[in-house]
Amino acid sequence: MPVFDDKQEELEHYETMMGMPRGRLAVTMDMITDAMALVGQHGVYCQSQRWPGKPVMDIQIIMKNLTDAKELIQSVMEALKKPA
């Protein structure tokens, strides 16, 4: 699986610190954060005609979905952190 090759060092680092499930989720959070930064930069150049100062609707939808995904991942990480 290519993602495991591409992110091998990060996965090893976080899995060692947090365990396999939480470590993989942490790497996933980093990847989503990077995607959000790229989409945010794109949003600067693709401004809405209707609402000046706001990105076009598709960028707004992508950002909302990425933000929601991060929130769900964070909730799973917290649930895994609590002692059973």
PDB file of N, CA and C in Angstrom:
ATOM      1  N   MET A   1       0.842  -1.183   0.000  1.00  0.00           N
ATOM      2  CA  MET A   1       0.000   0.000   0.000  1.00  0.00           C
ATOM      3  C   MET A   1       0.885   1.243   0.000  1.00  0.00           C
ATOM      4  N   PRO A   2       0.717   2.087  -0.990  1.00  0.00           N
ATOM      5  CA  PRO A   2       1.616   3.230  -1.144  1.00  0.00           C
ATOM      6  C   PRO A   2       1.632   4.209   0.030  1.00  0.00           C
ATOM      7  N   VAL A   3       0.491   4.427   0.684  1.00  0.00           N
ATOM      8  CA  VAL A   3       0.485   5.397   1.783  1.00  0.00           C
ATOM      9  C   VAL A   3       1.407   4.943   2.909  1.00  0.00           C
ATOM     10  N   PHE A   4       1.499   3.644   3.123  1.00  0.00           N
ATOM     11  CA  PHE A   4       2.365   3.142   4.186  1.00  0.00           C
ATOM     12  C   PHE A   4       3.835   3.306   3.825  1.00  0.00           C
ATOM     13  N   ASP A   5       4.134   3.302   2.534  1.00  0.00           N
ATOM     14  CA  ASP A   5       5.510   3.571   2.091  1.00  0.00           C
ATOM     15  C   ASP A   5       5.810   5.058   2.155  1.00  0.00           C
ATOM     16  N   ASP A   6       4.864   5.876   1.670  1.00  0.00           N
ATOM     17  CA  ASP A   6       5.067   7.329   1.627  1.00  0.00           C
ATOM     18  C   ASP A   6       5.180   7.937   3.022  1.00  0.00           C
ATOM     19  N   LYS A   7       4.430   7.419   3.946  1.00  0.00           N
ATOM     20  CA  LYS A   7       4.359   7.997   5.301  1.00  0.00           C
ATOM     21  C   LYS A   7       5.035   7.118   6.348  1.00  0.00           C
ATOM     22  N   GLN A   8       5.943   6.267   5.926  1.00  0.00           N
ATOM     23  CA  GLN A   8       6.549   5.279   6.815  1.00  0.00           C
ATOM     24  C   GLN A   8       7.174   5.902   8.066  1.00  0.00           C
ATOM     25  N   GLU A   9       7.984   6.956   7.886  1.00  0.00           N
ATOM     26  CA  GLU A   9       8.658   7.564   9.037  1.00  0.00           C
ATOM     27  C   GLU A   9       7.667   8.182  10.015  1.00  0.00           C
ATOM     28  N   GLU A  10       6.691   8.911   9.482  1.00  0.00           N
ATOM     29  CA  GLU A  10       5.685   9.534  10.343  1.00  0.00           C
ATOM     30  C   GLU A  10       4.870   8.475  11.080  1.00  0.00           C
ATOM     31  N   LEU A  11       4.477   7.421  10.350  1.00  0.00           N
ATOM     32  CA  LEU A  11       3.711   6.354  10.978  1.00  0.00           C
ATOM     33  C   LEU A  11       4.502   5.702  12.104  1.00  0.00           C
ATOM     34  N   GLU A  12       5.755   5.398  11.854  1.00  0.00           N
ATOM     35  CA  GLU A  12       6.588   4.776  12.890  1.00  0.00           C
ATOM     36  C   GLU A  12       6.695   5.675  14.110  1.00  0.00           C
ATOM     37  N   HIS A  13       6.893   6.971  13.872  1.00  0.00           N
ATOM     38  CA  HIS A  13       7.035   7.934  14.965  1.00  0.00           C
ATOM     39  C   HIS A  13       5.771   7.979  15.827  1.00  0.00           C
ATOM     40  N   TYR A  14       4.629   8.215  15.188  1.00  0.00           N
ATOM     41  CA  TYR A  14       3.383   8.358  15.937  1.00  0.00           C
ATOM     42  C   TYR A  14       2.893   7.035  16.521  1.00  0.00           C
ATOM     43  N   GLU A  15       3.095   5.932  15.800  1.00  0.00           N
ATOM     44  CA  GLU A  15       2.678   4.640  16.336  1.00  0.00           C
ATOM     45  C   GLU A  15       3.497   4.272  17.562  1.00  0.00           C
ATOM     46  N   THR A  16       4.766   4.647  17.580  1.00  0.00           N
ATOM     47  CA  THR A  16       5.605   4.396  18.752  1.00  0.00           C
ATOM     48  C   THR A  16       5.122   5.218  19.938  1.00  0.00           C
ATOM     49  N   MET A  17       4.754   6.470  19.690  1.00  0.00           N
ATOM     50  CA  MET A  17       4.312   7.361  20.774  1.00  0.00           C
ATOM     51  C   MET A  17       2.912   7.036  21.278  1.00  0.00           C
ATOM     52  N   MET A  18       1.997   6.684  20.358  1.00  0.00           N
ATOM     53  CA  MET A  18       0.584   6.615  20.713  1.00  0.00           C
ATOM     54  C   MET A  18      -0.046   5.239  20.534  1.00  0.00           C
ATOM     55  N   GLY A  19       0.680   4.310  19.983  1.00  0.00           N
ATOM     56  CA  GLY A  19       0.091   3.026  19.626  1.00  0.00           C
ATOM     57  C   GLY A  19      -0.395   3.068  18.186  1.00  0.00           C
ATOM     58  N   MET A  20      -0.657   1.907  17.615  1.00  0.00           N
ATOM     59  CA  MET A  20      -0.987   1.838  16.193  1.00  0.00           C
ATOM     60  C   MET A  20      -2.254   2.605  15.807  1.00  0.00           C
ATOM     61  N   PRO A  21      -3.407   2.374  16.464  1.00  0.00           N
ATOM     62  CA  PRO A  21      -4.621   3.062  15.990  1.00  0.00           C
ATOM     63  C   PRO A  21      -4.522   4.582  16.115  1.00  0.00           C
ATOM     64  N   ARG A  22      -4.127   5.072  17.291  1.00  0.00           N
ATOM     65  CA  ARG A  22      -4.040   6.516  17.492  1.00  0.00           C
ATOM     66  C   ARG A  22      -2.920   7.122  16.649  1.00  0.00           C
ATOM     67  N   GLY A  23      -1.822   6.399  16.462  1.00  0.00           N
ATOM     68  CA  GLY A  23      -0.730   6.905  15.634  1.00  0.00           C
ATOM     69  C   GLY A  23      -1.148   7.082  14.191  1.00  0.00           C
ATOM     70  N   ARG A  24      -1.881   6.118  13.666  1.00  0.00           N
ATOM     71  CA  ARG A  24      -2.364   6.233  12.285  1.00  0.00           C
ATOM     72  C   ARG A  24      -3.377   7.363  12.153  1.00  0.00           C
ATOM     73  N   LEU A  25      -4.210   7.523  13.160  1.00  0.00           N
ATOM     74  CA  LEU A  25      -5.162   8.636  13.134  1.00  0.00           C
ATOM     75  C   LEU A  25      -4.434   9.976  13.199  1.00  0.00           C
ATOM     76  N   ALA A  26      -3.355  10.046  13.966  1.00  0.00           N
ATOM     77  CA  ALA A  26      -2.578  11.287  14.053  1.00  0.00           C
ATOM     78  C   ALA A  26      -1.966  11.645  12.699  1.00  0.00           C
ATOM     79  N   VAL A  27      -1.445  10.663  11.991  1.00  0.00           N
ATOM     80  CA  VAL A  27      -0.894  10.910  10.658  1.00  0.00           C
ATOM     81  C   VAL A  27      -2.009  11.348   9.709  1.00  0.00           C
ATOM     82  N   THR A  28      -3.167  10.719   9.837  1.00  0.00           N
ATOM     83  CA  THR A  28      -4.318  11.101   9.019  1.00  0.00           C
ATOM     84  C   THR A  28      -4.705  12.544   9.294  1.00  0.00           C
ATOM     85  N   MET A  29      -4.695  12.946  10.560  1.00  0.00           N
ATOM     86  CA  MET A  29      -5.000  14.343  10.926  1.00  0.00           C
ATOM     87  C   MET A  29      -4.003  15.292  10.274  1.00  0.00           C
ATOM     88  N   ASP A  30      -2.733  14.938  10.297  1.00  0.00           N
ATOM     89  CA  ASP A  30      -1.715  15.784   9.656  1.00  0.00           C
ATOM     90  C   ASP A  30      -1.983  15.913   8.155  1.00  0.00           C
ATOM     91  N   MET A  31      -2.361  14.820   7.523  1.00  0.00           N
ATOM     92  CA  MET A  31      -2.632  14.850   6.087  1.00  0.00           C
ATOM     93  C   MET A  31      -3.851  15.727   5.780  1.00  0.00           C
ATOM     94  N   ILE A  32      -4.884  15.624   6.607  1.00  0.00           N
ATOM     95  CA  ILE A  32      -6.069  16.462   6.412  1.00  0.00           C
ATOM     96  C   ILE A  32      -5.727  17.929   6.644  1.00  0.00           C
ATOM     97  N   THR A  33      -4.914  18.209   7.642  1.00  0.00           N
ATOM     98  CA  THR A  33      -4.500  19.585   7.908  1.00  0.00           C
ATOM     99  C   THR A  33      -3.730  20.151   6.724  1.00  0.00           C
ATOM    100  N   ASP A  34      -2.844  19.347   6.140  1.00  0.00           N
ATOM    101  CA  ASP A  34      -2.111  19.789   4.944  1.00  0.00           C
ATOM    102  C   ASP A  34      -3.062  20.069   3.785  1.00  0.00           C
ATOM    103  N   ALA A  35      -4.058  19.184   3.612  1.00  0.00           N
ATOM    104  CA  ALA A  35      -5.050  19.385   2.544  1.00  0.00           C
ATOM    105  C   ALA A  35      -5.841  20.663   2.789  1.00  0.00           C
ATOM    106  N   MET A  36      -6.172  20.936   4.035  1.00  0.00           N
ATOM    107  CA  MET A  36      -6.908  22.156   4.360  1.00  0.00           C
ATOM    108  C   MET A  36      -6.090  23.405   4.025  1.00  0.00           C
ATOM    109  N   ALA A  37      -4.803  23.349   4.289  1.00  0.00           N
ATOM    110  CA  ALA A  37      -3.936  24.489   3.965  1.00  0.00           C
ATOM    111  C   ALA A  37      -3.906  24.731   2.456  1.00  0.00           C
ATOM    112  N   LEU A  38      -3.802  23.658   1.684  1.00  0.00           N
ATOM    113  CA  LEU A  38      -3.782  23.798   0.228  1.00  0.00           C
ATOM    114  C   LEU A  38      -5.102  24.329  -0.309  1.00  0.00           C
ATOM    115  N   VAL A  39      -6.208  23.809   0.217  1.00  0.00           N
ATOM    116  CA  VAL A  39      -7.527  24.281  -0.214  1.00  0.00           C
ATOM    117  C   VAL A  39      -7.716  25.736   0.193  1.00  0.00           C
ATOM    118  N   GLY A  40      -7.243  26.083   1.370  1.00  0.00           N
ATOM    119  CA  GLY A  40      -7.335  27.476   1.828  1.00  0.00           C
ATOM    120  C   GLY A  40      -6.573  28.422   0.925  1.00  0.00           C
ATOM    121  N   GLN A  41      -5.385  28.018   0.496  1.00  0.00           N
ATOM    122  CA  GLN A  41      -4.611  28.849  -0.435  1.00  0.00           C
ATOM    123  C   GLN A  41      -5.355  29.002  -1.755  1.00  0.00           C
ATOM    124  N   HIS A  42      -5.954  27.921  -2.217  1.00  0.00           N
ATOM    125  CA  HIS A  42      -6.714  27.974  -3.457  1.00  0.00           C
ATOM    126  C   HIS A  42      -7.921  28.908  -3.307  1.00  0.00           C
ATOM    127  N   GLY A  43      -8.534  28.889  -2.127  1.00  0.00           N
ATOM    128  CA  GLY A  43      -9.682  29.743  -1.861  1.00  0.00           C
ATOM    129  C   GLY A  43      -9.377  31.219  -1.936  1.00  0.00           C
ATOM    130  N   VAL A  44      -8.131  31.587  -1.706  1.00  0.00           N
ATOM    131  CA  VAL A  44      -7.732  32.991  -1.807  1.00  0.00           C
ATOM    132  C   VAL A  44      -7.862  33.473  -3.249  1.00  0.00           C
ATOM    133  N   TYR A  45      -7.566  32.590  -4.183  1.00  0.00           N
ATOM    134  CA  TYR A  45      -7.591  32.970  -5.595  1.00  0.00           C
ATOM    135  C   TYR A  45      -8.949  32.749  -6.251  1.00  0.00           C
ATOM    136  N   CYS A  46      -9.775  31.920  -5.666  1.00  0.00           N
ATOM    137  CA  CYS A  46     -11.088  31.620  -6.244  1.00  0.00           C
ATOM    138  C   CYS A  46     -12.168  32.244  -5.368  1.00  0.00           C
ATOM    139  N   GLN A  47     -12.342  33.538  -5.511  1.00  0.00           N
ATOM    140  CA  GLN A  47     -13.313  34.265  -4.700  1.00  0.00           C
ATOM    141  C   GLN A  47     -14.700  34.210  -5.334  1.00  0.00           C
ATOM    142  N   SER A  48     -15.705  34.216  -4.492  1.00  0.00           N
ATOM    143  CA  SER A  48     -17.091  34.182  -4.935  1.00  0.00           C
ATOM    144  C   SER A  48     -17.476  35.524  -5.545  1.00  0.00           C
ATOM    145  N   GLN A  49     -18.221  35.471  -6.632  1.00  0.00           N
ATOM    146  CA  GLN A  49     -18.733  36.698  -7.258  1.00  0.00           C
ATOM    147  C   GLN A  49     -19.861  37.283  -6.405  1.00  0.00           C
ATOM    148  N   ARG A  50     -20.660  36.389  -5.818  1.00  0.00           N
ATOM    149  CA  ARG A  50     -21.807  36.829  -5.014  1.00  0.00           C
ATOM    150  C   ARG A  50     -21.408  37.382  -3.666  1.00  0.00           C
ATOM    151  N   TRP A  51     -20.434  36.719  -3.039  1.00  0.00           N
ATOM    152  CA  TRP A  51     -20.017  37.104  -1.698  1.00  0.00           C
ATOM    153  C   TRP A  51     -18.532  37.443  -1.711  1.00  0.00           C
ATOM    154  N   PRO A  52     -18.200  38.682  -2.028  1.00  0.00           N
ATOM    155  CA  PRO A  52     -16.787  39.070  -2.063  1.00  0.00           C
ATOM    156  C   PRO A  52     -16.105  38.785  -0.717  1.00  0.00           C
ATOM    157  N   GLY A  53     -14.889  38.305  -0.789  1.00  0.00           N
ATOM    158  CA  GLY A  53     -14.131  37.972   0.415  1.00  0.00           C
ATOM    159  C   GLY A  53     -14.330  36.538   0.879  1.00  0.00           C
ATOM    160  N   LYS A  54     -15.240  35.819   0.240  1.00  0.00           N
ATOM    161  CA  LYS A  54     -15.453  34.407   0.569  1.00  0.00           C
ATOM    162  C   LYS A  54     -15.033  33.556  -0.616  1.00  0.00           C
ATOM    163  N   PRO A  55     -14.515  32.370  -0.344  1.00  0.00           N
ATOM    164  CA  PRO A  55     -14.159  31.478  -1.459  1.00  0.00           C
ATOM    165  C   PRO A  55     -15.412  30.963  -2.159  1.00  0.00           C
ATOM    166  N   VAL A  56     -15.227  30.450  -3.366  1.00  0.00           N
ATOM    167  CA  VAL A  56     -16.355  29.888  -4.113  1.00  0.00           C
ATOM    168  C   VAL A  56     -16.972  28.739  -3.320  1.00  0.00           C
ATOM    169  N   MET A  57     -18.209  28.420  -3.636  1.00  0.00           N
ATOM    170  CA  MET A  57     -18.991  27.457  -2.852  1.00  0.00           C
ATOM    171  C   MET A  57     -18.329  26.085  -2.756  1.00  0.00           C
ATOM    172  N   ASP A  58     -17.730  25.586  -3.836  1.00  0.00           N
ATOM    173  CA  ASP A  58     -17.123  24.254  -3.751  1.00  0.00           C
ATOM    174  C   ASP A  58     -15.971  24.229  -2.763  1.00  0.00           C
ATOM    175  N   ILE A  59     -15.220  25.315  -2.690  1.00  0.00           N
ATOM    176  CA  ILE A  59     -14.109  25.386  -1.720  1.00  0.00           C
ATOM    177  C   ILE A  59     -14.673  25.426  -0.299  1.00  0.00           C
ATOM    178  N   GLN A  60     -15.755  26.155  -0.099  1.00  0.00           N
ATOM    179  CA  GLN A  60     -16.380  26.210   1.222  1.00  0.00           C
ATOM    180  C   GLN A  60     -16.859  24.819   1.649  1.00  0.00           C
ATOM    181  N   ILE A  61     -17.437  24.067   0.711  1.00  0.00           N
ATOM    182  CA  ILE A  61     -17.940  22.725   1.009  1.00  0.00           C
ATOM    183  C   ILE A  61     -16.779  21.784   1.334  1.00  0.00           C
ATOM    184  N   ILE A  62     -15.702  21.862   0.564  1.00  0.00           N
ATOM    185  CA  ILE A  62     -14.527  21.021   0.816  1.00  0.00           C
ATOM    186  C   ILE A  62     -13.956  21.321   2.197  1.00  0.00           C
ATOM    187  N   MET A  63     -13.827  22.599   2.532  1.00  0.00           N
ATOM    188  CA  MET A  63     -13.274  22.976   3.844  1.00  0.00           C
ATOM    189  C   MET A  63     -14.170  22.465   4.975  1.00  0.00           C
ATOM    190  N   LYS A  64     -15.482  22.571   4.811  1.00  0.00           N
ATOM    191  CA  LYS A  64     -16.394  22.090   5.847  1.00  0.00           C
ATOM    192  C   LYS A  64     -16.243  20.577   6.026  1.00  0.00           C
ATOM    193  N   ASN A  65     -16.171  19.849   4.921  1.00  0.00           N
ATOM    194  CA  ASN A  65     -16.023  18.392   5.018  1.00  0.00           C
ATOM    195  C   ASN A  65     -14.700  18.006   5.665  1.00  0.00           C
ATOM    196  N   LEU A  66     -13.623  18.702   5.330  1.00  0.00           N
ATOM    197  CA  LEU A  66     -12.327  18.408   5.951  1.00  0.00           C
ATOM    198  C   LEU A  66     -12.354  18.740   7.448  1.00  0.00           C
ATOM    199  N   THR A  67     -12.969  19.857   7.794  1.00  0.00           N
ATOM    200  CA  THR A  67     -13.083  20.243   9.202  1.00  0.00           C
ATOM    201  C   THR A  67     -13.910  19.219   9.974  1.00  0.00           C
ATOM    202  N   ASP A  68     -15.021  18.776   9.388  1.00  0.00           N
ATOM    203  CA  ASP A  68     -15.858  17.763  10.034  1.00  0.00           C
ATOM    204  C   ASP A  68     -15.108  16.442  10.185  1.00  0.00           C
ATOM    205  N   ALA A  69     -14.336  16.058   9.164  1.00  0.00           N
ATOM    206  CA  ALA A  69     -13.554  14.818   9.234  1.00  0.00           C
ATOM    207  C   ALA A  69     -12.535  14.890  10.371  1.00  0.00           C
ATOM    208  N   LYS A  70     -11.871  16.038  10.510  1.00  0.00           N
ATOM    209  CA  LYS A  70     -10.908  16.201  11.601  1.00  0.00           C
ATOM    210  C   LYS A  70     -11.595  16.070  12.957  1.00  0.00           C
ATOM    211  N   GLU A  71     -12.777  16.652  13.078  1.00  0.00           N
ATOM    212  CA  GLU A  71     -13.502  16.577  14.343  1.00  0.00           C
ATOM    213  C   GLU A  71     -13.862  15.131  14.689  1.00  0.00           C
ATOM    214  N   LEU A  72     -14.298  14.372  13.698  1.00  0.00           N
ATOM    215  CA  LEU A  72     -14.616  12.962  13.937  1.00  0.00           C
ATOM    216  C   LEU A  72     -13.372  12.171  14.328  1.00  0.00           C
ATOM    217  N   ILE A  73     -12.271  12.411  13.643  1.00  0.00           N
ATOM    218  CA  ILE A  73     -11.022  11.714  13.965  1.00  0.00           C
ATOM    219  C   ILE A  73     -10.574  12.061  15.387  1.00  0.00           C
ATOM    220  N   GLN A  74     -10.671  13.337  15.750  1.00  0.00           N
ATOM    221  CA  GLN A  74     -10.296  13.747  17.097  1.00  0.00           C
ATOM    222  C   GLN A  74     -11.146  13.047  18.145  1.00  0.00           C
ATOM    223  N   SER A  75     -12.443  12.888  17.865  1.00  0.00           N
ATOM    224  CA  SER A  75     -13.315  12.214  18.832  1.00  0.00           C
ATOM    225  C   SER A  75     -12.922  10.746  18.991  1.00  0.00           C
ATOM    226  N   VAL A  76     -12.531  10.091  17.896  1.00  0.00           N
ATOM    227  CA  VAL A  76     -12.089   8.697  17.978  1.00  0.00           C
ATOM    228  C   VAL A  76     -10.774   8.605  18.751  1.00  0.00           C
ATOM    229  N   MET A  77      -9.869   9.532  18.491  1.00  0.00           N
ATOM    230  CA  MET A  77      -8.583   9.521  19.209  1.00  0.00           C
ATOM    231  C   MET A  77      -8.801   9.688  20.715  1.00  0.00           C
ATOM    232  N   GLU A  78      -9.716  10.566  21.100  1.00  0.00           N
ATOM    233  CA  GLU A  78     -10.015  10.755  22.515  1.00  0.00           C
ATOM    234  C   GLU A  78     -10.649   9.507  23.114  1.00  0.00           C
ATOM    235  N   ALA A  79     -11.554   8.868  22.363  1.00  0.00           N
ATOM    236  CA  ALA A  79     -12.193   7.649  22.860  1.00  0.00           C
ATOM    237  C   ALA A  79     -11.158   6.528  23.043  1.00  0.00           C
ATOM    238  N   LEU A  80     -10.193   6.445  22.131  1.00  0.00           N
ATOM    239  CA  LEU A  80      -9.150   5.421  22.250  1.00  0.00           C
ATOM    240  C   LEU A  80      -8.193   5.714  23.398  1.00  0.00           C
ATOM    241  N   LYS A  81      -8.070   6.979  23.752  1.00  0.00           N
ATOM    242  CA  LYS A  81      -7.136   7.384  24.803  1.00  0.00           C
ATOM    243  C   LYS A  81      -7.654   6.994  26.195  1.00  0.00           C
ATOM    244  N   LYS A  82      -8.957   7.017  26.370  1.00  0.00           N
ATOM    245  CA  LYS A  82      -9.546   6.728  27.676  1.00  0.00           C
ATOM    246  C   LYS A  82      -9.330   5.266  28.037  1.00  0.00           C
ATOM    247  N   PRO A  83      -9.005   5.012  29.310  1.00  0.00           N
ATOM    248  CA  PRO A  83      -8.833   3.618  29.733  1.00  0.00           C
ATOM    249  C   PRO A  83     -10.153   2.874  29.655  1.00  0.00           C
ATOM    250  N   ALA A  84     -10.079   1.628  29.234  1.00  0.00           N
ATOM    251  CA  ALA A  84     -11.306   0.821  29.080  1.00  0.00           C
ATOM    252  C   ALA A  84     -11.853   0.356  30.402  1.00  0.00           C
TER     253      ALA A  84
END
